[in-house]
N, C-alpha and C. Protein backbone atom coordinates (compact mmCIF):
# COMPACT_ATOMS: atom_id res chain seq x y z
N MET A 1 -78.38 30.03 44.30
CA MET A 1 -77.70 30.29 43.06
C MET A 1 -76.99 29.03 42.56
N GLY A 2 -76.29 28.34 43.45
CA GLY A 2 -75.60 27.12 43.06
C GLY A 2 -76.55 26.06 42.59
N LEU A 3 -77.73 25.98 43.15
CA LEU A 3 -78.74 24.99 42.77
C LEU A 3 -79.28 25.26 41.37
N CYS A 4 -79.44 26.52 40.98
CA CYS A 4 -79.95 26.87 39.65
C CYS A 4 -78.96 26.44 38.57
N VAL A 5 -77.68 26.66 38.79
CA VAL A 5 -76.66 26.27 37.81
C VAL A 5 -76.63 24.75 37.69
N PHE A 6 -76.74 24.06 38.81
CA PHE A 6 -76.71 22.61 38.80
C PHE A 6 -77.89 22.03 38.03
N LEU A 7 -79.07 22.58 38.15
CA LEU A 7 -80.25 22.08 37.45
C LEU A 7 -80.22 22.43 35.96
N ALA A 8 -79.62 23.54 35.57
CA ALA A 8 -79.56 23.95 34.17
C ALA A 8 -78.41 23.28 33.43
N TRP A 9 -77.44 22.77 34.14
CA TRP A 9 -76.24 22.22 33.53
C TRP A 9 -76.49 21.09 32.53
N PRO A 10 -77.37 20.10 32.74
CA PRO A 10 -77.57 19.03 31.77
C PRO A 10 -78.08 19.51 30.42
N THR A 11 -78.76 20.61 30.34
CA THR A 11 -79.30 21.09 29.06
C THR A 11 -78.31 21.95 28.30
N LEU A 12 -77.21 22.34 28.90
CA LEU A 12 -76.25 23.19 28.21
C LEU A 12 -75.61 22.48 27.01
N GLY A 13 -75.35 21.20 27.11
CA GLY A 13 -74.70 20.46 26.03
C GLY A 13 -75.66 19.90 25.00
N ALA A 14 -76.95 20.03 25.19
CA ALA A 14 -77.92 19.45 24.26
C ALA A 14 -77.90 20.21 22.94
N GLN A 15 -78.10 19.48 21.83
CA GLN A 15 -78.12 20.11 20.52
C GLN A 15 -79.41 20.88 20.32
N VAL A 16 -79.28 21.95 19.58
CA VAL A 16 -80.45 22.74 19.22
C VAL A 16 -81.10 22.06 18.02
N ARG A 17 -82.39 21.93 18.04
CA ARG A 17 -83.11 21.29 16.94
C ARG A 17 -82.92 22.11 15.67
N GLN A 18 -82.63 21.41 14.56
CA GLN A 18 -82.40 22.09 13.29
C GLN A 18 -83.60 21.92 12.38
N ASN A 19 -83.78 22.90 11.51
CA ASN A 19 -84.82 22.78 10.50
C ASN A 19 -84.34 21.81 9.43
N PRO A 20 -85.23 21.07 8.80
CA PRO A 20 -84.80 20.16 7.73
C PRO A 20 -84.23 20.95 6.55
N SER A 21 -83.24 20.37 5.90
CA SER A 21 -82.60 21.02 4.76
C SER A 21 -83.56 21.05 3.57
N PRO A 22 -83.61 22.18 2.86
CA PRO A 22 -84.46 22.24 1.66
C PRO A 22 -83.82 21.50 0.49
N MET A 23 -82.56 21.09 0.60
CA MET A 23 -81.88 20.40 -0.49
C MET A 23 -82.40 18.97 -0.58
N VAL A 24 -82.54 18.51 -1.79
CA VAL A 24 -82.99 17.14 -2.02
C VAL A 24 -81.84 16.39 -2.67
N ASP A 25 -81.52 15.25 -2.14
CA ASP A 25 -80.42 14.45 -2.67
C ASP A 25 -80.99 13.38 -3.59
N THR A 26 -80.71 13.51 -4.87
CA THR A 26 -81.16 12.50 -5.82
C THR A 26 -79.96 12.01 -6.61
N THR A 27 -80.02 10.79 -7.03
CA THR A 27 -78.96 10.25 -7.87
C THR A 27 -79.59 9.61 -9.09
N ARG A 28 -78.81 9.56 -10.12
CA ARG A 28 -79.27 8.86 -11.32
C ARG A 28 -78.42 7.61 -11.47
N PRO A 29 -78.92 6.63 -12.15
CA PRO A 29 -78.13 5.41 -12.31
C PRO A 29 -76.84 5.69 -13.09
N HIS A 30 -75.80 5.00 -12.73
CA HIS A 30 -74.51 5.11 -13.42
C HIS A 30 -74.08 3.71 -13.87
N PRO A 31 -74.76 3.16 -14.86
CA PRO A 31 -74.40 1.80 -15.29
C PRO A 31 -73.06 1.80 -16.02
N ARG A 32 -72.38 0.69 -15.95
CA ARG A 32 -71.12 0.51 -16.68
C ARG A 32 -71.45 0.38 -18.16
N ILE A 33 -70.58 0.95 -18.99
CA ILE A 33 -70.79 0.80 -20.42
C ILE A 33 -70.28 -0.57 -20.84
N GLU A 34 -70.89 -1.10 -21.87
CA GLU A 34 -70.42 -2.37 -22.41
C GLU A 34 -69.11 -2.12 -23.15
N PRO A 35 -68.07 -2.86 -22.86
CA PRO A 35 -66.81 -2.64 -23.56
C PRO A 35 -66.94 -2.93 -25.05
N PRO A 36 -66.56 -1.97 -25.90
CA PRO A 36 -66.59 -2.25 -27.33
C PRO A 36 -65.48 -3.23 -27.69
N ILE A 37 -65.73 -4.03 -28.68
CA ILE A 37 -64.72 -4.99 -29.14
C ILE A 37 -64.16 -4.45 -30.45
N ALA A 38 -62.89 -4.09 -30.41
CA ALA A 38 -62.25 -3.50 -31.58
C ALA A 38 -61.92 -4.58 -32.60
N ASP A 39 -62.12 -4.22 -33.86
CA ASP A 39 -61.77 -5.11 -34.95
C ASP A 39 -60.25 -5.06 -35.13
N GLY A 40 -59.63 -6.21 -35.12
CA GLY A 40 -58.19 -6.24 -35.30
C GLY A 40 -57.61 -7.60 -35.00
N GLN A 41 -56.31 -7.63 -34.95
CA GLN A 41 -55.59 -8.88 -34.72
C GLN A 41 -54.76 -8.77 -33.45
N ARG A 42 -54.74 -9.84 -32.68
CA ARG A 42 -53.99 -9.88 -31.42
C ARG A 42 -52.97 -11.01 -31.47
N GLU A 43 -51.78 -10.70 -30.99
CA GLU A 43 -50.71 -11.71 -30.94
C GLU A 43 -50.06 -11.66 -29.56
N ASP A 44 -49.94 -12.81 -28.93
CA ASP A 44 -49.26 -12.88 -27.63
C ASP A 44 -47.76 -12.72 -27.83
N LEU A 45 -47.16 -11.91 -26.98
CA LEU A 45 -45.71 -11.71 -26.98
C LEU A 45 -45.15 -12.33 -25.71
N SER A 46 -43.84 -12.36 -25.59
CA SER A 46 -43.25 -12.89 -24.36
C SER A 46 -43.65 -12.01 -23.17
N VAL A 47 -43.80 -10.71 -23.41
CA VAL A 47 -44.31 -9.79 -22.39
C VAL A 47 -45.42 -8.97 -23.05
N GLY A 48 -46.66 -9.23 -22.69
CA GLY A 48 -47.77 -8.44 -23.22
C GLY A 48 -48.44 -9.06 -24.43
N THR A 49 -49.38 -8.29 -24.98
CA THR A 49 -50.15 -8.71 -26.15
C THR A 49 -50.15 -7.59 -27.17
N LEU A 50 -49.81 -7.93 -28.42
CA LEU A 50 -49.80 -6.97 -29.52
C LEU A 50 -51.18 -6.89 -30.13
N PHE A 51 -51.63 -5.67 -30.43
CA PHE A 51 -52.89 -5.46 -31.13
C PHE A 51 -52.64 -4.52 -32.30
N VAL A 52 -53.14 -4.92 -33.47
CA VAL A 52 -53.17 -4.01 -34.63
C VAL A 52 -54.61 -3.98 -35.11
N SER A 53 -55.09 -2.79 -35.46
CA SER A 53 -56.49 -2.65 -35.85
C SER A 53 -56.75 -3.31 -37.20
N GLY A 54 -58.02 -3.50 -37.49
CA GLY A 54 -58.41 -4.08 -38.77
C GLY A 54 -58.02 -3.21 -39.94
N ASN A 55 -57.78 -1.91 -39.70
CA ASN A 55 -57.37 -0.97 -40.75
C ASN A 55 -55.86 -0.83 -40.85
N PHE A 56 -55.13 -1.67 -40.13
CA PHE A 56 -53.68 -1.57 -40.08
C PHE A 56 -53.10 -1.74 -41.47
N GLY A 57 -52.24 -0.77 -41.88
CA GLY A 57 -51.68 -0.79 -43.22
C GLY A 57 -50.37 -1.53 -43.33
N GLY A 58 -49.69 -1.78 -42.22
CA GLY A 58 -48.42 -2.50 -42.28
C GLY A 58 -47.32 -1.70 -42.94
N ASN A 59 -47.17 -0.45 -42.56
CA ASN A 59 -46.10 0.39 -43.11
C ASN A 59 -44.74 -0.16 -42.73
N GLU A 60 -43.70 0.36 -43.38
CA GLU A 60 -42.35 -0.10 -43.07
C GLU A 60 -41.95 0.27 -41.64
N THR A 61 -42.39 1.44 -41.20
CA THR A 61 -42.11 1.89 -39.83
C THR A 61 -43.43 2.18 -39.15
N VAL A 62 -43.62 1.59 -37.99
CA VAL A 62 -44.91 1.68 -37.30
C VAL A 62 -44.71 2.27 -35.90
N PRO A 63 -45.51 3.30 -35.55
CA PRO A 63 -45.45 3.77 -34.18
C PRO A 63 -46.06 2.72 -33.24
N VAL A 64 -45.48 2.59 -32.08
CA VAL A 64 -45.93 1.57 -31.13
C VAL A 64 -46.29 2.24 -29.80
N ILE A 65 -47.46 1.91 -29.31
CA ILE A 65 -47.90 2.37 -28.00
C ILE A 65 -47.78 1.19 -27.05
N VAL A 66 -47.01 1.35 -26.00
CA VAL A 66 -46.86 0.30 -25.00
C VAL A 66 -47.60 0.78 -23.75
N ASN A 67 -48.63 0.05 -23.37
CA ASN A 67 -49.47 0.47 -22.25
C ASN A 67 -49.39 -0.52 -21.11
N PHE A 68 -49.18 0.01 -19.92
CA PHE A 68 -49.06 -0.82 -18.73
C PHE A 68 -50.26 -0.60 -17.81
N HIS A 69 -50.93 -1.67 -17.46
CA HIS A 69 -51.96 -1.69 -16.41
C HIS A 69 -53.26 -0.98 -16.83
N HIS A 70 -53.80 -1.33 -17.96
CA HIS A 70 -55.12 -0.85 -18.40
C HIS A 70 -55.93 -2.05 -18.87
N GLU A 71 -57.20 -1.83 -19.03
CA GLU A 71 -58.06 -2.85 -19.64
C GLU A 71 -57.73 -2.94 -21.13
N PHE A 72 -57.68 -4.13 -21.66
CA PHE A 72 -57.36 -4.33 -23.08
C PHE A 72 -58.31 -3.57 -23.98
N TRP A 73 -59.61 -3.72 -23.72
CA TRP A 73 -60.61 -3.14 -24.62
C TRP A 73 -60.47 -1.63 -24.74
N LEU A 74 -60.06 -0.97 -23.68
CA LEU A 74 -59.96 0.48 -23.70
C LEU A 74 -58.87 0.94 -24.67
N GLY A 75 -57.70 0.38 -24.54
CA GLY A 75 -56.61 0.73 -25.45
C GLY A 75 -56.90 0.33 -26.88
N GLU A 76 -57.42 -0.87 -27.06
CA GLU A 76 -57.71 -1.35 -28.41
C GLU A 76 -58.75 -0.48 -29.10
N HIS A 77 -59.77 -0.09 -28.38
CA HIS A 77 -60.83 0.74 -28.96
C HIS A 77 -60.26 2.07 -29.45
N TYR A 78 -59.50 2.74 -28.60
CA TYR A 78 -59.00 4.05 -28.98
C TYR A 78 -57.92 3.99 -30.04
N VAL A 79 -57.07 3.01 -30.02
CA VAL A 79 -56.06 2.88 -31.07
C VAL A 79 -56.74 2.59 -32.41
N SER A 80 -57.73 1.71 -32.42
CA SER A 80 -58.41 1.39 -33.68
C SER A 80 -59.16 2.59 -34.23
N GLN A 81 -59.67 3.46 -33.35
CA GLN A 81 -60.42 4.63 -33.79
C GLN A 81 -59.52 5.82 -34.15
N LEU A 82 -58.49 6.05 -33.35
CA LEU A 82 -57.72 7.28 -33.49
C LEU A 82 -56.34 7.11 -34.12
N MET A 83 -55.76 5.92 -34.03
CA MET A 83 -54.42 5.68 -34.58
C MET A 83 -54.37 4.31 -35.26
N PRO A 84 -55.16 4.10 -36.31
CA PRO A 84 -55.25 2.76 -36.90
C PRO A 84 -53.95 2.25 -37.51
N ASP A 85 -52.99 3.14 -37.79
CA ASP A 85 -51.71 2.69 -38.34
C ASP A 85 -50.68 2.40 -37.26
N ALA A 86 -51.08 2.53 -36.01
CA ALA A 86 -50.16 2.26 -34.90
C ALA A 86 -50.39 0.84 -34.38
N ALA A 87 -49.40 0.34 -33.70
CA ALA A 87 -49.53 -0.95 -33.01
C ALA A 87 -49.62 -0.66 -31.52
N LEU A 88 -50.37 -1.48 -30.83
CA LEU A 88 -50.56 -1.33 -29.39
C LEU A 88 -50.07 -2.59 -28.70
N VAL A 89 -49.32 -2.42 -27.63
CA VAL A 89 -48.92 -3.55 -26.80
C VAL A 89 -49.46 -3.29 -25.40
N MET A 90 -50.33 -4.18 -24.95
CA MET A 90 -50.90 -4.08 -23.60
C MET A 90 -50.12 -5.02 -22.69
N VAL A 91 -49.69 -4.49 -21.55
CA VAL A 91 -48.89 -5.27 -20.61
C VAL A 91 -49.54 -5.23 -19.23
N PRO A 92 -50.37 -6.24 -18.91
CA PRO A 92 -50.96 -6.31 -17.57
C PRO A 92 -50.17 -7.31 -16.71
N LEU A 93 -49.46 -6.81 -15.73
CA LEU A 93 -48.62 -7.71 -14.92
C LEU A 93 -49.16 -8.00 -13.54
N GLY A 94 -50.17 -7.27 -13.10
CA GLY A 94 -50.71 -7.53 -11.77
C GLY A 94 -50.85 -6.27 -10.95
N ALA A 95 -50.90 -6.44 -9.65
CA ALA A 95 -51.14 -5.32 -8.74
C ALA A 95 -49.83 -4.82 -8.13
N GLY A 96 -49.73 -3.53 -7.98
CA GLY A 96 -48.59 -2.93 -7.32
C GLY A 96 -47.50 -2.52 -8.29
N SER A 97 -46.98 -1.31 -8.12
CA SER A 97 -45.96 -0.81 -9.05
C SER A 97 -44.66 -1.60 -8.95
N LYS A 98 -44.41 -2.27 -7.83
CA LYS A 98 -43.19 -3.07 -7.68
C LYS A 98 -43.15 -4.21 -8.70
N VAL A 99 -44.30 -4.80 -8.97
CA VAL A 99 -44.37 -5.89 -9.97
C VAL A 99 -43.91 -5.37 -11.33
N TYR A 100 -44.39 -4.20 -11.70
CA TYR A 100 -44.02 -3.61 -12.99
C TYR A 100 -42.56 -3.15 -12.99
N ASN A 101 -42.14 -2.53 -11.91
CA ASN A 101 -40.76 -2.06 -11.81
C ASN A 101 -39.79 -3.23 -11.92
N ASP A 102 -40.04 -4.28 -11.17
CA ASP A 102 -39.14 -5.44 -11.16
C ASP A 102 -39.07 -6.11 -12.53
N ALA A 103 -40.20 -6.15 -13.24
CA ALA A 103 -40.23 -6.80 -14.55
C ALA A 103 -39.35 -6.07 -15.57
N PHE A 104 -39.19 -4.75 -15.41
CA PHE A 104 -38.43 -3.97 -16.39
C PHE A 104 -37.17 -3.34 -15.79
N ALA A 105 -36.74 -3.83 -14.65
CA ALA A 105 -35.53 -3.30 -14.01
C ALA A 105 -34.30 -3.55 -14.88
N ASP A 106 -34.27 -4.68 -15.57
CA ASP A 106 -33.17 -4.99 -16.48
C ASP A 106 -33.51 -4.40 -17.86
N PRO A 107 -32.69 -3.49 -18.39
CA PRO A 107 -32.97 -2.87 -19.69
C PRO A 107 -33.11 -3.87 -20.84
N VAL A 108 -32.53 -5.04 -20.69
CA VAL A 108 -32.62 -6.07 -21.74
C VAL A 108 -34.08 -6.50 -21.95
N THR A 109 -34.88 -6.46 -20.90
CA THR A 109 -36.28 -6.88 -21.00
C THR A 109 -37.03 -6.02 -22.01
N PHE A 110 -36.87 -4.71 -21.92
CA PHE A 110 -37.58 -3.82 -22.85
C PHE A 110 -37.03 -3.97 -24.26
N SER A 111 -35.71 -4.09 -24.41
CA SER A 111 -35.11 -4.29 -25.73
C SER A 111 -35.62 -5.57 -26.37
N SER A 112 -35.70 -6.64 -25.59
CA SER A 112 -36.23 -7.91 -26.11
C SER A 112 -37.69 -7.78 -26.51
N MET A 113 -38.43 -7.00 -25.73
CA MET A 113 -39.84 -6.79 -26.05
C MET A 113 -39.99 -6.07 -27.39
N ILE A 114 -39.16 -5.08 -27.64
CA ILE A 114 -39.20 -4.36 -28.93
C ILE A 114 -38.86 -5.32 -30.07
N ASN A 115 -37.88 -6.19 -29.88
CA ASN A 115 -37.55 -7.19 -30.91
C ASN A 115 -38.74 -8.12 -31.17
N ASP A 116 -39.41 -8.56 -30.10
CA ASP A 116 -40.61 -9.40 -30.25
C ASP A 116 -41.69 -8.67 -31.02
N ILE A 117 -41.86 -7.38 -30.73
CA ILE A 117 -42.88 -6.59 -31.43
C ILE A 117 -42.57 -6.52 -32.92
N GLU A 118 -41.30 -6.29 -33.27
CA GLU A 118 -40.93 -6.22 -34.69
C GLU A 118 -41.18 -7.54 -35.40
N LEU A 119 -40.85 -8.65 -34.74
CA LEU A 119 -41.10 -9.97 -35.35
C LEU A 119 -42.60 -10.18 -35.57
N ALA A 120 -43.39 -9.85 -34.56
CA ALA A 120 -44.85 -10.03 -34.67
C ALA A 120 -45.44 -9.11 -35.73
N LEU A 121 -44.96 -7.87 -35.81
CA LEU A 121 -45.46 -6.95 -36.84
C LEU A 121 -45.12 -7.45 -38.24
N GLY A 122 -43.92 -8.01 -38.39
CA GLY A 122 -43.54 -8.58 -39.68
C GLY A 122 -44.45 -9.73 -40.07
N TRP A 123 -44.81 -10.55 -39.11
CA TRP A 123 -45.70 -11.68 -39.38
C TRP A 123 -47.10 -11.18 -39.73
N VAL A 124 -47.60 -10.19 -38.99
CA VAL A 124 -48.95 -9.66 -39.22
C VAL A 124 -49.03 -8.95 -40.57
N SER A 125 -48.01 -8.15 -40.90
CA SER A 125 -48.07 -7.35 -42.13
C SER A 125 -47.59 -8.12 -43.36
N GLY A 126 -46.91 -9.23 -43.15
CA GLY A 126 -46.41 -10.00 -44.28
C GLY A 126 -45.16 -9.41 -44.89
N GLY A 127 -44.50 -8.54 -44.19
CA GLY A 127 -43.27 -7.92 -44.69
C GLY A 127 -42.40 -7.51 -43.52
N GLU A 128 -41.29 -6.84 -43.86
CA GLU A 128 -40.41 -6.37 -42.80
C GLU A 128 -40.94 -5.05 -42.26
N THR A 129 -41.25 -5.02 -41.00
CA THR A 129 -41.79 -3.82 -40.36
C THR A 129 -40.93 -3.48 -39.15
N LYS A 130 -40.52 -2.24 -39.07
CA LYS A 130 -39.69 -1.76 -37.97
C LYS A 130 -40.54 -0.94 -37.00
N VAL A 131 -40.16 -0.99 -35.74
CA VAL A 131 -40.80 -0.15 -34.74
C VAL A 131 -40.29 1.27 -34.92
N GLY A 132 -41.23 2.21 -35.02
CA GLY A 132 -40.88 3.63 -35.14
C GLY A 132 -40.86 4.28 -33.77
N LYS A 133 -41.62 5.35 -33.65
CA LYS A 133 -41.72 6.03 -32.36
C LYS A 133 -42.40 5.13 -31.35
N ILE A 134 -41.94 5.21 -30.11
CA ILE A 134 -42.52 4.40 -29.03
C ILE A 134 -43.14 5.35 -28.01
N LEU A 135 -44.39 5.11 -27.71
CA LEU A 135 -45.10 5.88 -26.69
C LEU A 135 -45.36 4.97 -25.51
N LEU A 136 -44.86 5.37 -24.34
CA LEU A 136 -45.15 4.62 -23.12
C LEU A 136 -46.36 5.24 -22.45
N SER A 137 -47.31 4.40 -22.09
CA SER A 137 -48.52 4.86 -21.42
C SER A 137 -48.77 3.93 -20.25
N SER A 138 -49.23 4.51 -19.14
CA SER A 138 -49.48 3.65 -17.99
C SER A 138 -50.54 4.25 -17.10
N PHE A 139 -51.07 3.40 -16.26
CA PHE A 139 -52.07 3.81 -15.28
C PHE A 139 -51.70 3.17 -13.95
N SER A 140 -51.81 3.92 -12.89
CA SER A 140 -51.67 3.42 -11.52
C SER A 140 -50.36 2.63 -11.35
N ALA A 141 -50.46 1.36 -11.06
CA ALA A 141 -49.27 0.54 -10.81
C ALA A 141 -48.34 0.47 -12.01
N GLY A 142 -48.87 0.66 -13.21
CA GLY A 142 -48.07 0.59 -14.42
C GLY A 142 -46.96 1.62 -14.49
N TYR A 143 -47.08 2.68 -13.68
CA TYR A 143 -46.01 3.68 -13.66
C TYR A 143 -44.69 3.09 -13.21
N GLY A 144 -44.73 1.99 -12.48
CA GLY A 144 -43.50 1.32 -12.07
C GLY A 144 -42.68 0.89 -13.28
N ALA A 145 -43.34 0.38 -14.32
CA ALA A 145 -42.64 -0.04 -15.53
C ALA A 145 -42.12 1.16 -16.29
N ALA A 146 -42.96 2.18 -16.45
CA ALA A 146 -42.52 3.38 -17.18
C ALA A 146 -41.30 4.00 -16.51
N ARG A 147 -41.33 4.07 -15.21
CA ARG A 147 -40.21 4.63 -14.45
C ARG A 147 -38.94 3.79 -14.66
N ALA A 148 -39.07 2.48 -14.62
CA ALA A 148 -37.90 1.61 -14.79
C ALA A 148 -37.33 1.71 -16.20
N ILE A 149 -38.20 1.81 -17.20
CA ILE A 149 -37.75 1.88 -18.59
C ILE A 149 -37.06 3.21 -18.87
N LEU A 150 -37.65 4.27 -18.38
CA LEU A 150 -37.07 5.60 -18.63
C LEU A 150 -35.79 5.79 -17.85
C-alpha cells in the first residue's frame, strides 16, 4: 500500500491538459491622431503661454481658462472650436505635482499671472480688456497648482 502511494505521488501535482480556448484575440491598430493646429495668436507670459483663437472678438471682459499640465494643441483646439471668445493660458511646468504646487504656493504668483494676462489681452485686442471668469483646469501633476491656488 505504501509503495502505491509513493509511485502515484509525482503525478498528483501535474496540471490537467486544457482544451484550447475558442476565443480569438485580435487587435486593431491604434495610431496617434495628428495634432490639429488651431488658428490663433500665442503670447508668452511670465508663467505660461496665452492663446486666443483667430475668431477672438476682444470683448471688454474675457473669460480665461488656465490649464496646467496638458498638451498645448489639445487646449488650443477645443478653445478655438468651443469657446472662441475665451482666452486660454497653458502652464506646463514639468513632472510631479510638487513642481506645480511650489510654483503657486505664494498667492502673489497667481495674481501677477492674471495681471500679465490682462496686459497681453489688451495688446492682442488693441484695447483695454479685463479678465472675467477664471476656469482652472488641470491634468495629473497640474492638480498641484490648482490645489495651491484654491
